[in-house]
Full PDB file with SEQRES, HELIX, SHEET, SSBOND, CRYST1, ORIGX, SCALE, CONECT and MASTER records, all heavy atoms in Angstrom:
SEQRES   1 A   31  TYR ILE PHE TRP SER ILE VAL GLU GLY LEU CYS VAL GLY          
SEQRES   2 A   31  ALA GLN ILE TYR LYS LEU ALA VAL ILE SER THR VAL VAL          
SEQRES   3 A   31  ILE ALA VAL VAL LEU                                          
HELIX    1 AA1 ILE A    2  GLY A   13  1                                  12    
HELIX    2 AA2 TYR A   17  VAL A   30  1                                  14    
CRYST1    1.000    1.000    1.000  90.00  90.00  90.00 P 1           1          
ORIGX1      1.000000  0.000000  0.000000        0.00000                         
ORIGX2      0.000000  1.000000  0.000000        0.00000                         
ORIGX3      0.000000  0.000000  1.000000        0.00000                         
SCALE1      1.000000  0.000000  0.000000        0.00000                         
SCALE2      0.000000  1.000000  0.000000        0.00000                         
SCALE3      0.000000  0.000000  1.000000        0.00000                         
ATOM      1  N   TYR A   1     138.059  74.265 116.233  1.00  0.00           N  
ATOM      2  CA  TYR A   1     137.372  73.272 117.059  1.00  0.00           C  
ATOM      3  C   TYR A   1     138.117  71.947 117.115  1.00  0.00           C  
ATOM      4  O   TYR A   1     138.078  71.250 118.139  1.00  0.00           O  
ATOM      5  CB  TYR A   1     135.940  73.075 116.556  1.00  0.00           C  
ATOM      6  CG  TYR A   1     135.028  74.194 116.994  1.00  0.00           C  
ATOM      7  CD1 TYR A   1     134.913  75.348 116.238  1.00  0.00           C  
ATOM      8  CD2 TYR A   1     134.311  74.108 118.178  1.00  0.00           C  
ATOM      9  CE1 TYR A   1     134.098  76.390 116.650  1.00  0.00           C  
ATOM     10  CE2 TYR A   1     133.496  75.143 118.602  1.00  0.00           C  
ATOM     11  CZ  TYR A   1     133.390  76.283 117.824  1.00  0.00           C  
ATOM     12  OH  TYR A   1     132.594  77.317 118.249  1.00  0.00           O  
ATOM     13  N   ILE A   2     138.798  71.595 116.041  1.00  0.00           N  
ATOM     14  CA  ILE A   2     139.622  70.383 116.067  1.00  0.00           C  
ATOM     15  C   ILE A   2     140.740  70.534 117.093  1.00  0.00           C  
ATOM     16  O   ILE A   2     140.967  69.658 117.938  1.00  0.00           O  
ATOM     17  CB  ILE A   2     140.201  70.101 114.667  1.00  0.00           C  
ATOM     18  CG1 ILE A   2     139.085  69.712 113.684  1.00  0.00           C  
ATOM     19  CG2 ILE A   2     141.251  68.992 114.727  1.00  0.00           C  
ATOM     20  CD1 ILE A   2     139.549  69.575 112.259  1.00  0.00           C  
ATOM     21  N   PHE A   3     141.445  71.653 117.028  1.00  0.00           N  
ATOM     22  CA  PHE A   3     142.537  71.904 117.957  1.00  0.00           C  
ATOM     23  C   PHE A   3     142.016  72.018 119.390  1.00  0.00           C  
ATOM     24  O   PHE A   3     142.647  71.516 120.335  1.00  0.00           O  
ATOM     25  CB  PHE A   3     143.265  73.182 117.554  1.00  0.00           C  
ATOM     26  CG  PHE A   3     144.547  73.415 118.303  1.00  0.00           C  
ATOM     27  CD1 PHE A   3     145.626  72.557 118.148  1.00  0.00           C  
ATOM     28  CD2 PHE A   3     144.686  74.493 119.157  1.00  0.00           C  
ATOM     29  CE1 PHE A   3     146.810  72.766 118.843  1.00  0.00           C  
ATOM     30  CE2 PHE A   3     145.856  74.709 119.859  1.00  0.00           C  
ATOM     31  CZ  PHE A   3     146.922  73.841 119.694  1.00  0.00           C  
ATOM     32  N   TRP A   4     140.877  72.655 119.565  1.00  0.00           N  
ATOM     33  CA  TRP A   4     140.279  72.807 120.894  1.00  0.00           C  
ATOM     34  C   TRP A   4     139.932  71.446 121.500  1.00  0.00           C  
ATOM     35  O   TRP A   4     140.219  71.183 122.671  1.00  0.00           O  
ATOM     36  CB  TRP A   4     139.039  73.688 120.786  1.00  0.00           C  
ATOM     37  CG  TRP A   4     138.390  74.051 122.097  1.00  0.00           C  
ATOM     38  CD1 TRP A   4     138.957  73.982 123.334  1.00  0.00           C  
ATOM     39  CD2 TRP A   4     137.064  74.537 122.283  1.00  0.00           C  
ATOM     40  NE1 TRP A   4     138.056  74.411 124.286  1.00  0.00           N  
ATOM     41  CE2 TRP A   4     136.891  74.751 123.671  1.00  0.00           C  
ATOM     42  CE3 TRP A   4     136.001  74.822 121.416  1.00  0.00           C  
ATOM     43  CZ2 TRP A   4     135.701  75.225 124.207  1.00  0.00           C  
ATOM     44  CZ3 TRP A   4     134.815  75.305 121.951  1.00  0.00           C  
ATOM     45  CH2 TRP A   4     134.673  75.503 123.327  1.00  0.00           C  
ATOM     46  N   SER A   5     139.348  70.557 120.698  1.00  0.00           N  
ATOM     47  CA  SER A   5     138.981  69.228 121.189  1.00  0.00           C  
ATOM     48  C   SER A   5     140.205  68.424 121.607  1.00  0.00           C  
ATOM     49  O   SER A   5     140.201  67.752 122.650  1.00  0.00           O  
ATOM     50  CB  SER A   5     138.201  68.468 120.105  1.00  0.00           C  
ATOM     51  OG  SER A   5     137.002  69.135 119.782  1.00  0.00           O  
ATOM     52  N   ILE A   6     141.271  68.504 120.802  1.00  0.00           N  
ATOM     53  CA  ILE A   6     142.482  67.748 121.128  1.00  0.00           C  
ATOM     54  C   ILE A   6     143.113  68.258 122.425  1.00  0.00           C  
ATOM     55  O   ILE A   6     143.490  67.475 123.307  1.00  0.00           O  
ATOM     56  CB  ILE A   6     143.491  67.839 119.968  1.00  0.00           C  
ATOM     57  CG1 ILE A   6     142.941  67.131 118.722  1.00  0.00           C  
ATOM     58  CG2 ILE A   6     144.829  67.237 120.358  1.00  0.00           C  
ATOM     59  CD1 ILE A   6     143.786  67.293 117.489  1.00  0.00           C  
ATOM     60  N   VAL A   7     143.211  69.579 122.554  1.00  0.00           N  
ATOM     61  CA  VAL A   7     143.839  70.166 123.751  1.00  0.00           C  
ATOM     62  C   VAL A   7     143.052  69.821 125.011  1.00  0.00           C  
ATOM     63  O   VAL A   7     143.625  69.426 126.039  1.00  0.00           O  
ATOM     64  CB  VAL A   7     143.970  71.688 123.584  1.00  0.00           C  
ATOM     65  CG1 VAL A   7     144.377  72.334 124.901  1.00  0.00           C  
ATOM     66  CG2 VAL A   7     144.986  72.025 122.508  1.00  0.00           C  
ATOM     67  N   GLU A   8     141.720  69.952 124.941  1.00  0.00           N  
ATOM     68  CA  GLU A   8     140.907  69.643 126.120  1.00  0.00           C  
ATOM     69  C   GLU A   8     140.953  68.149 126.441  1.00  0.00           C  
ATOM     70  O   GLU A   8     140.914  67.756 127.607  1.00  0.00           O  
ATOM     71  CB  GLU A   8     139.465  70.089 125.901  1.00  0.00           C  
ATOM     72  CG  GLU A   8     139.284  71.601 125.743  1.00  0.00           C  
ATOM     73  CD  GLU A   8     139.736  72.385 126.947  1.00  0.00           C  
ATOM     74  OE1 GLU A   8     139.924  71.791 128.022  1.00  0.00           O  
ATOM     75  OE2 GLU A   8     139.906  73.609 126.821  1.00  0.00           O  
ATOM     76  N   GLY A   9     141.047  67.317 125.411  1.00  0.00           N  
ATOM     77  CA  GLY A   9     141.171  65.881 125.645  1.00  0.00           C  
ATOM     78  C   GLY A   9     142.463  65.541 126.365  1.00  0.00           C  
ATOM     79  O   GLY A   9     142.477  64.723 127.297  1.00  0.00           O  
ATOM     80  N   LEU A  10     143.569  66.163 125.957  1.00  0.00           N  
ATOM     81  CA  LEU A  10     144.845  65.947 126.643  1.00  0.00           C  
ATOM     82  C   LEU A  10     144.790  66.453 128.079  1.00  0.00           C  
ATOM     83  O   LEU A  10     145.356  65.835 128.996  1.00  0.00           O  
ATOM     84  CB  LEU A  10     145.972  66.656 125.879  1.00  0.00           C  
ATOM     85  CG  LEU A  10     146.256  66.149 124.464  1.00  0.00           C  
ATOM     86  CD1 LEU A  10     147.324  66.993 123.799  1.00  0.00           C  
ATOM     87  CD2 LEU A  10     146.688  64.686 124.487  1.00  0.00           C  
ATOM     88  N   CYS A  11     144.098  67.570 128.268  1.00  0.00           N  
ATOM     89  CA  CYS A  11     143.985  68.150 129.612  1.00  0.00           C  
ATOM     90  C   CYS A  11     143.174  67.243 130.536  1.00  0.00           C  
ATOM     91  O   CYS A  11     143.549  67.007 131.693  1.00  0.00           O  
ATOM     92  CB  CYS A  11     143.335  69.529 129.503  1.00  0.00           C  
ATOM     93  SG  CYS A  11     143.497  70.543 130.973  1.00  0.00           S  
ATOM     94  N   VAL A  12     142.067  66.713 130.018  1.00  0.00           N  
ATOM     95  CA  VAL A  12     141.242  65.801 130.817  1.00  0.00           C  
ATOM     96  C   VAL A  12     141.994  64.501 131.083  1.00  0.00           C  
ATOM     97  O   VAL A  12     141.974  63.962 132.195  1.00  0.00           O  
ATOM     98  CB  VAL A  12     139.901  65.521 130.104  1.00  0.00           C  
ATOM     99  CG1 VAL A  12     139.124  64.422 130.815  1.00  0.00           C  
ATOM    100  CG2 VAL A  12     139.059  66.789 130.046  1.00  0.00           C  
ATOM    101  N   GLY A  13     142.683  63.973 130.066  1.00  0.00           N  
ATOM    102  CA  GLY A  13     143.444  62.744 130.239  1.00  0.00           C  
ATOM    103  C   GLY A  13     144.562  62.884 131.248  1.00  0.00           C  
ATOM    104  O   GLY A  13     144.912  61.928 131.943  1.00  0.00           O  
ATOM    105  N   ALA A  14     145.127  64.087 131.343  1.00  0.00           N  
ATOM    106  CA  ALA A  14     146.161  64.351 132.347  1.00  0.00           C  
ATOM    107  C   ALA A  14     145.559  64.599 133.722  1.00  0.00           C  
ATOM    108  O   ALA A  14     146.303  64.847 134.674  1.00  0.00           O  
ATOM    109  CB  ALA A  14     147.000  65.554 131.914  1.00  0.00           C  
ATOM    110  N   GLN A  15     144.224  64.568 133.805  1.00  0.00           N  
ATOM    111  CA  GLN A  15     143.474  64.722 135.053  1.00  0.00           C  
ATOM    112  C   GLN A  15     143.653  66.104 135.679  1.00  0.00           C  
ATOM    113  O   GLN A  15     143.620  66.271 136.891  1.00  0.00           O  
ATOM    114  CB  GLN A  15     143.876  63.629 136.049  1.00  0.00           C  
ATOM    115  CG  GLN A  15     143.637  62.224 135.496  1.00  0.00           C  
ATOM    116  CD  GLN A  15     144.194  61.142 136.386  1.00  0.00           C  
ATOM    117  OE1 GLN A  15     143.991  61.166 137.585  1.00  0.00           O  
ATOM    118  NE2 GLN A  15     144.912  60.198 135.780  1.00  0.00           N  
ATOM    119  N   ILE A  16     143.850  67.094 134.820  1.00  0.00           N  
ATOM    120  CA  ILE A  16     143.896  68.486 135.281  1.00  0.00           C  
ATOM    121  C   ILE A  16     142.496  69.050 135.050  1.00  0.00           C  
ATOM    122  O   ILE A  16     142.242  69.824 134.126  1.00  0.00           O  
ATOM    123  CB  ILE A  16     144.972  69.292 134.520  1.00  0.00           C  
ATOM    124  CG1 ILE A  16     146.290  68.521 134.479  1.00  0.00           C  
ATOM    125  CG2 ILE A  16     145.208  70.649 135.179  1.00  0.00           C  
ATOM    126  CD1 ILE A  16     147.362  69.182 133.647  1.00  0.00           C  
ATOM    127  N   TYR A  17     141.568  68.652 135.871  1.00  0.00           N  
ATOM    128  CA  TYR A  17     140.151  68.939 135.642  1.00  0.00           C  
ATOM    129  C   TYR A  17     139.825  70.423 135.774  1.00  0.00           C  
ATOM    130  O   TYR A  17     139.010  70.957 135.022  1.00  0.00           O  
ATOM    131  CB  TYR A  17     139.295  68.128 136.615  1.00  0.00           C  
ATOM    132  CG  TYR A  17     139.538  66.642 136.537  1.00  0.00           C  
ATOM    133  CD1 TYR A  17     139.937  65.925 137.657  1.00  0.00           C  
ATOM    134  CD2 TYR A  17     139.383  65.956 135.341  1.00  0.00           C  
ATOM    135  CE1 TYR A  17     140.164  64.551 137.587  1.00  0.00           C  
ATOM    136  CE2 TYR A  17     139.605  64.589 135.264  1.00  0.00           C  
ATOM    137  CZ  TYR A  17     140.000  63.896 136.389  1.00  0.00           C  
ATOM    138  OH  TYR A  17     140.228  62.549 136.315  1.00  0.00           O  
ATOM    139  N   LYS A  18     140.443  71.085 136.740  1.00  0.00           N  
ATOM    140  CA  LYS A  18     140.145  72.508 136.944  1.00  0.00           C  
ATOM    141  C   LYS A  18     140.514  73.316 135.706  1.00  0.00           C  
ATOM    142  O   LYS A  18     139.735  74.158 135.241  1.00  0.00           O  
ATOM    143  CB  LYS A  18     140.910  73.035 138.156  1.00  0.00           C  
ATOM    144  CG  LYS A  18     140.568  74.472 138.529  1.00  0.00           C  
ATOM    145  CD  LYS A  18     141.404  74.970 139.700  1.00  0.00           C  
ATOM    146  CE  LYS A  18     141.030  74.228 140.966  1.00  0.00           C  
ATOM    147  NZ  LYS A  18     141.762  74.785 142.148  1.00  0.00           N  
ATOM    148  N   LEU A  19     141.694  73.056 135.153  1.00  0.00           N  
ATOM    149  CA  LEU A  19     142.124  73.749 133.937  1.00  0.00           C  
ATOM    150  C   LEU A  19     141.212  73.418 132.766  1.00  0.00           C  
ATOM    151  O   LEU A  19     140.852  74.292 131.967  1.00  0.00           O  
ATOM    152  CB  LEU A  19     143.567  73.374 133.606  1.00  0.00           C  
ATOM    153  CG  LEU A  19     144.150  73.952 132.304  1.00  0.00           C  
ATOM    154  CD1 LEU A  19     144.138  75.474 132.339  1.00  0.00           C  
ATOM    155  CD2 LEU A  19     145.558  73.415 132.068  1.00  0.00           C  
ATOM    156  N   ALA A  20     140.819  72.145 132.654  1.00  0.00           N  
ATOM    157  CA  ALA A  20     139.952  71.722 131.551  1.00  0.00           C  
ATOM    158  C   ALA A  20     138.595  72.422 131.598  1.00  0.00           C  
ATOM    159  O   ALA A  20     138.117  72.939 130.579  1.00  0.00           O  
ATOM    160  CB  ALA A  20     139.766  70.211 131.581  1.00  0.00           C  
ATOM    161  N   VAL A  21     137.983  72.464 132.780  1.00  0.00           N  
ATOM    162  CA  VAL A  21     136.645  73.055 132.906  1.00  0.00           C  
ATOM    163  C   VAL A  21     136.688  74.562 132.695  1.00  0.00           C  
ATOM    164  O   VAL A  21     135.900  75.127 131.928  1.00  0.00           O  
ATOM    165  CB  VAL A  21     136.047  72.715 134.290  1.00  0.00           C  
ATOM    166  CG1 VAL A  21     134.746  73.484 134.505  1.00  0.00           C  
ATOM    167  CG2 VAL A  21     135.804  71.220 134.411  1.00  0.00           C  
ATOM    168  N   ILE A  22     137.637  75.239 133.372  1.00  0.00           N  
ATOM    169  CA  ILE A  22     137.708  76.700 133.268  1.00  0.00           C  
ATOM    170  C   ILE A  22     138.044  77.132 131.847  1.00  0.00           C  
ATOM    171  O   ILE A  22     137.428  78.051 131.292  1.00  0.00           O  
ATOM    172  CB  ILE A  22     138.747  77.258 134.260  1.00  0.00           C  
ATOM    173  CG1 ILE A  22     138.285  77.017 135.704  1.00  0.00           C  
ATOM    174  CG2 ILE A  22     138.972  78.747 134.032  1.00  0.00           C  
ATOM    175  CD1 ILE A  22     139.289  77.431 136.745  1.00  0.00           C  
ATOM    176  N   SER A  23     139.030  76.472 131.230  1.00  0.00           N  
ATOM    177  CA  SER A  23     139.414  76.852 129.862  1.00  0.00           C  
ATOM    178  C   SER A  23     138.291  76.593 128.874  1.00  0.00           C  
ATOM    179  O   SER A  23     138.074  77.379 127.940  1.00  0.00           O  
ATOM    180  CB  SER A  23     140.672  76.086 129.445  1.00  0.00           C  
ATOM    181  OG  SER A  23     140.436  74.685 129.439  1.00  0.00           O  
ATOM    182  N   THR A  24     137.553  75.497 129.073  1.00  0.00           N  
ATOM    183  CA  THR A  24     136.435  75.195 128.163  1.00  0.00           C  
ATOM    184  C   THR A  24     135.354  76.265 128.243  1.00  0.00           C  
ATOM    185  O   THR A  24     134.852  76.731 127.220  1.00  0.00           O  
ATOM    186  CB  THR A  24     135.834  73.818 128.510  1.00  0.00           C  
ATOM    187  OG1 THR A  24     136.833  72.813 128.369  1.00  0.00           O  
ATOM    188  CG2 THR A  24     134.663  73.499 127.586  1.00  0.00           C  
ATOM    189  N   VAL A  25     135.007  76.662 129.462  1.00  0.00           N  
ATOM    190  CA  VAL A  25     133.965  77.680 129.638  1.00  0.00           C  
ATOM    191  C   VAL A  25     134.406  79.019 129.052  1.00  0.00           C  
ATOM    192  O   VAL A  25     133.644  79.685 128.333  1.00  0.00           O  
ATOM    193  CB  VAL A  25     133.612  77.831 131.130  1.00  0.00           C  
ATOM    194  CG1 VAL A  25     132.670  79.020 131.341  1.00  0.00           C  
ATOM    195  CG2 VAL A  25     132.975  76.558 131.663  1.00  0.00           C  
ATOM    196  N   VAL A  26     135.638  79.423 129.336  1.00  0.00           N  
ATOM    197  CA  VAL A  26     136.136  80.717 128.844  1.00  0.00           C  
ATOM    198  C   VAL A  26     136.198  80.737 127.319  1.00  0.00           C  
ATOM    199  O   VAL A  26     135.746  81.696 126.670  1.00  0.00           O  
ATOM    200  CB  VAL A  26     137.525  81.019 129.448  1.00  0.00           C  
ATOM    201  CG1 VAL A  26     138.125  82.261 128.789  1.00  0.00           C  
ATOM    202  CG2 VAL A  26     137.411  81.233 130.949  1.00  0.00           C  
ATOM    203  N   ILE A  27     136.747  79.679 126.730  1.00  0.00           N  
ATOM    204  CA  ILE A  27     136.853  79.628 125.263  1.00  0.00           C  
ATOM    205  C   ILE A  27     135.468  79.602 124.624  1.00  0.00           C  
ATOM    206  O   ILE A  27     135.232  80.241 123.587  1.00  0.00           O  
ATOM    207  CB  ILE A  27     137.684  78.402 124.829  1.00  0.00           C  
ATOM    208  CG1 ILE A  27     139.129  78.565 125.287  1.00  0.00           C  
ATOM    209  CG2 ILE A  27     137.635  78.220 123.315  1.00  0.00           C  
ATOM    210  CD1 ILE A  27     139.997  77.341 125.071  1.00  0.00           C  
ATOM    211  N   ALA A  28     134.528  78.872 125.220  1.00  0.00           N  
ATOM    212  CA  ALA A  28     133.166  78.818 124.684  1.00  0.00           C  
ATOM    213  C   ALA A  28     132.514  80.198 124.707  1.00  0.00           C  
ATOM    214  O   ALA A  28     131.873  80.609 123.725  1.00  0.00           O  
ATOM    215  CB  ALA A  28     132.331  77.826 125.489  1.00  0.00           C  
ATOM    216  N   VAL A  29     132.691  80.927 125.799  1.00  0.00           N  
ATOM    217  CA  VAL A  29     132.122  82.280 125.897  1.00  0.00           C  
ATOM    218  C   VAL A  29     132.731  83.198 124.846  1.00  0.00           C  
ATOM    219  O   VAL A  29     132.026  83.976 124.190  1.00  0.00           O  
ATOM    220  CB  VAL A  29     132.340  82.854 127.312  1.00  0.00           C  
ATOM    221  CG1 VAL A  29     131.963  84.335 127.363  1.00  0.00           C  
ATOM    222  CG2 VAL A  29     131.523  82.079 128.339  1.00  0.00           C  
ATOM    223  N   VAL A  30     134.047  83.100 124.663  1.00  0.00           N  
ATOM    224  CA  VAL A  30     134.726  83.941 123.665  1.00  0.00           C  
ATOM    225  C   VAL A  30     134.231  83.629 122.256  1.00  0.00           C  
ATOM    226  O   VAL A  30     133.960  84.538 121.456  1.00  0.00           O  
ATOM    227  CB  VAL A  30     136.255  83.746 123.757  1.00  0.00           C  
ATOM    228  CG1 VAL A  30     136.956  84.432 122.584  1.00  0.00           C  
ATOM    229  CG2 VAL A  30     136.781  84.303 125.069  1.00  0.00           C  
ATOM    230  N   LEU A  31     134.087  82.347 121.931  1.00  0.00           N  
ATOM    231  CA  LEU A  31     133.644  81.964 120.587  1.00  0.00           C  
ATOM    232  C   LEU A  31     132.200  82.385 120.317  1.00  0.00           C  
ATOM    233  O   LEU A  31     131.874  82.846 119.222  1.00  0.00           O  
ATOM    234  CB  LEU A  31     133.787  80.451 120.406  1.00  0.00           C  
ATOM    235  CG  LEU A  31     135.224  79.928 120.272  1.00  0.00           C  
ATOM    236  CD1 LEU A  31     135.242  78.408 120.272  1.00  0.00           C  
ATOM    237  CD2 LEU A  31     135.872  80.463 119.002  1.00  0.00           C  
TER     238      LEU A  31                                                      
MASTER        0    0    0    2    0    0    0    6  237    1    0    3          
END                                                                             
């Protein structure tokens, strides 16, 4: 979860919103 938070934060900060939202949903479902 630490690594997940950092990666998604970098993704959102880079303004790649589509990747951030899709990856968050997929990873959450898997977990």
